Amino acid sequence: MELVLATLMNTTTPSFDPFKYSGAWYEVASHKAGFYGLGQYDCMDTRGIYEYDPDRDQIDVATQCRHLDGRISGIRGVVKCPISKPERGLADCTLRFPTAPYVPPATYRILETDYSSYALVEGGTGPNDPAPFVQIYSRYPRPGMRFIEAQKQILKNWGYNPDLIHMTPVTLESDESSA
Protein backbone atom coordinates (compact mmCIF):
# COMPACT_ATOMS: atom_id res chain seq x y z
CA MET A 1 0.00 0.00 0.00
CA GLU A 2 2.80 2.46 0.88
CA LEU A 3 4.59 1.76 -2.40
CA VAL A 4 1.39 2.41 -4.37
CA LEU A 5 0.77 5.67 -2.47
CA ALA A 6 4.35 6.83 -3.03
CA THR A 7 4.11 6.01 -6.73
CA LEU A 8 0.84 7.92 -7.02
CA MET A 9 2.32 10.92 -5.22
CA ASN A 10 5.31 10.99 -7.59
CA THR A 11 3.22 10.70 -10.74
CA THR A 12 0.81 13.46 -9.73
CA THR A 13 3.56 16.01 -9.15
CA PRO A 14 4.63 17.33 -12.55
CA SER A 15 8.21 18.44 -12.95
CA PHE A 16 9.21 21.86 -14.15
CA ASP A 17 10.50 22.11 -17.73
CA PRO A 18 12.78 25.15 -18.18
CA PHE A 19 12.92 24.66 -21.98
CA LYS A 20 9.12 25.01 -22.23
CA TYR A 21 9.18 28.00 -19.86
CA SER A 22 11.61 29.85 -22.12
CA GLY A 23 10.35 32.68 -24.31
CA ALA A 24 8.41 35.90 -23.79
CA TRP A 25 6.09 36.32 -20.79
CA TYR A 26 3.97 39.44 -20.26
CA GLU A 27 2.89 40.50 -16.80
CA VAL A 28 -0.85 41.14 -17.11
CA ALA A 29 -1.75 41.44 -13.41
CA SER A 30 0.06 41.46 -10.07
CA HIS A 31 0.13 42.29 -6.40
CA LYS A 32 3.52 43.65 -5.40
CA ALA A 33 4.38 44.75 -1.92
CA GLY A 34 7.71 45.36 -0.26
CA PHE A 35 11.20 45.77 -1.64
CA TYR A 36 10.68 43.94 -4.93
CA GLY A 37 7.70 46.09 -5.80
CA LEU A 38 9.62 49.34 -5.42
CA GLY A 39 10.04 51.29 -8.61
CA GLN A 40 7.37 49.27 -10.39
CA TYR A 41 4.27 51.18 -9.29
CA ASP A 42 4.04 53.06 -12.60
CA CYS A 43 5.14 50.24 -14.93
CA MET A 44 3.23 49.24 -18.02
CA ASP A 45 4.06 46.84 -20.84
CA THR A 46 6.02 44.73 -18.37
CA ARG A 47 7.61 41.68 -19.93
CA GLY A 48 10.45 39.26 -19.53
CA ILE A 49 12.33 37.18 -22.05
CA TYR A 50 13.40 33.87 -20.47
CA GLU A 51 16.05 31.64 -22.04
CA TYR A 52 17.17 28.35 -20.55
CA ASP A 53 20.93 27.76 -20.62
CA PRO A 54 21.41 24.00 -20.16
CA ASP A 55 25.19 24.32 -19.85
CA ARG A 56 24.78 26.45 -16.72
CA ASP A 57 21.43 24.91 -15.74
CA GLN A 58 19.83 28.31 -15.31
CA ILE A 59 17.27 30.55 -16.95
CA ASP A 60 18.60 33.90 -18.11
CA VAL A 61 15.95 36.61 -17.99
CA ALA A 62 15.83 40.13 -19.38
CA THR A 63 12.93 42.14 -18.00
CA GLN A 64 11.72 45.59 -18.91
CA CYS A 65 8.81 47.93 -18.45
CA ARG A 66 7.77 51.31 -19.73
CA HIS A 67 7.05 53.95 -17.11
CA LEU A 68 4.27 56.50 -17.37
CA ASP A 69 6.81 59.19 -18.27
CA GLY A 70 7.91 57.10 -21.29
CA ARG A 71 11.20 55.97 -19.77
CA ILE A 72 12.06 52.27 -20.22
CA SER A 73 13.77 50.41 -17.41
CA GLY A 74 14.89 46.84 -17.14
CA ILE A 75 17.32 44.44 -15.59
CA ARG A 76 18.92 41.13 -16.44
CA GLY A 77 18.63 38.29 -13.99
CA VAL A 78 19.27 34.61 -13.47
CA VAL A 79 16.66 32.11 -12.30
CA LYS A 80 17.95 28.86 -10.77
CA CYS A 81 15.48 26.05 -10.12
CA PRO A 82 17.00 23.13 -8.22
CA ILE A 83 15.61 19.71 -9.02
CA SER A 84 13.89 18.99 -5.75
CA LYS A 85 10.34 18.69 -4.54
CA PRO A 86 9.10 22.28 -4.20
CA GLU A 87 7.65 23.56 -0.96
CA ARG A 88 4.70 24.97 -2.93
CA GLY A 89 3.77 24.85 -6.56
CA LEU A 90 5.70 23.52 -9.52
CA ALA A 91 9.21 24.90 -8.88
CA ASP A 92 11.01 26.65 -6.01
CA CYS A 93 13.51 28.87 -7.76
CA THR A 94 15.80 31.73 -6.83
CA LEU A 95 16.09 34.96 -8.82
CA ARG A 96 19.23 37.03 -8.58
CA PHE A 97 20.58 40.01 -10.46
CA PRO A 98 24.34 39.67 -11.09
CA THR A 99 24.56 43.25 -12.41
CA ALA A 100 23.01 44.55 -9.18
CA PRO A 101 24.78 42.59 -6.41
CA TYR A 102 23.23 44.85 -3.75
CA VAL A 103 19.81 43.34 -4.55
CA PRO A 104 19.43 40.20 -2.44
CA PRO A 105 18.40 36.94 -4.14
CA ALA A 106 14.62 36.51 -4.20
CA THR A 107 12.24 33.59 -4.16
CA TYR A 108 10.81 32.98 -7.62
CA ARG A 109 8.24 30.24 -7.13
CA ILE A 110 6.33 29.01 -10.16
CA LEU A 111 3.00 27.98 -8.72
CA GLU A 112 1.43 26.83 -11.97
CA THR A 113 1.96 27.07 -15.72
CA ASP A 114 0.74 25.38 -18.86
CA TYR A 115 3.81 26.81 -20.67
CA SER A 116 1.71 27.97 -23.64
CA SER A 117 -0.64 30.59 -22.17
CA TYR A 118 -0.16 31.33 -18.45
CA ALA A 119 2.25 31.20 -15.53
CA LEU A 120 1.52 32.14 -11.90
CA VAL A 121 4.62 33.23 -9.99
CA GLU A 122 5.05 34.27 -6.37
CA GLY A 123 7.87 35.77 -4.38
CA GLY A 124 8.49 35.57 -0.67
CA THR A 125 6.79 32.91 1.38
CA GLY A 126 3.35 33.21 -0.18
CA PRO A 127 0.12 35.09 0.54
CA ASN A 128 0.84 35.45 4.28
CA ASP A 129 4.24 37.02 3.69
CA PRO A 130 4.44 40.53 5.17
CA ALA A 131 5.26 41.74 1.64
CA PRO A 132 3.44 39.40 -0.76
CA PHE A 133 4.41 39.46 -4.39
CA VAL A 134 2.45 37.54 -7.02
CA GLN A 135 2.29 37.90 -10.79
CA ILE A 136 0.06 36.59 -13.56
CA TYR A 137 2.01 36.06 -16.76
CA SER A 138 0.61 35.51 -20.24
CA ARG A 139 2.32 34.56 -23.48
CA TYR A 140 0.24 37.32 -25.08
CA PRO A 141 0.28 41.01 -24.07
CA ARG A 142 -3.54 41.30 -24.04
CA PRO A 143 -5.14 38.00 -23.08
CA GLY A 144 -8.46 39.56 -22.04
CA MET A 145 -10.38 39.98 -18.79
CA ARG A 146 -11.75 36.42 -18.76
CA PHE A 147 -8.20 35.10 -18.80
CA ILE A 148 -7.10 37.40 -15.97
CA GLU A 149 -10.17 36.63 -13.84
CA ALA A 150 -9.64 32.88 -14.32
CA GLN A 151 -6.02 33.18 -13.16
CA LYS A 152 -7.07 35.30 -10.16
CA GLN A 153 -9.44 32.51 -9.12
CA ILE A 154 -6.61 29.99 -9.33
CA LEU A 155 -4.51 32.31 -7.14
CA LYS A 156 -7.42 32.48 -4.69
CA ASN A 157 -7.03 28.70 -4.32
CA TRP A 158 -3.37 29.35 -3.48
CA GLY A 159 -4.47 31.71 -0.68
CA TYR A 160 -4.28 35.10 -2.41
CA ASN A 161 -7.01 37.73 -2.20
CA PRO A 162 -8.05 38.31 -5.84
CA ASP A 163 -9.21 41.85 -4.97
CA LEU A 164 -5.57 42.82 -4.29
CA ILE A 165 -4.36 41.59 -7.68
CA HIS A 166 -4.56 44.44 -10.18
CA MET A 167 -4.17 44.56 -13.94
CA THR A 168 -0.84 45.73 -15.28
CA PRO A 169 -1.44 48.36 -17.98
CA VAL A 170 -0.60 47.04 -21.42
CA THR A 171 -0.49 49.10 -24.59
CA LEU A 172 1.27 46.50 -26.73
CA GLU A 173 -0.72 44.93 -29.55
CA SER A 174 1.75 42.14 -30.30
CA ASP A 175 5.14 40.80 -29.28
CA GLU A 176 7.47 43.80 -29.29
CA SER A 177 10.16 42.04 -27.29
CA SER A 178 12.86 43.36 -29.58
CA ALA A 179 11.94 46.96 -28.75
Foldseek 3Di string as FASTA:
>chain_A
DVVVVVVVVVVVQDADDLQLLAAKKWFFKKFWFDDVCPPCPFWARWMKGWDADVVVQKIKIWIWTAGPVRDIDIAIWIKHWDPDDDPAAHTWIWIDGPVCNVDDIWTWHFRDDPSQFWTKTWIDPAQPPPTTIITIITNWQDPDPVVVVVVLVVSVVRVHDSVSMGTGHYPDPGDPVVD
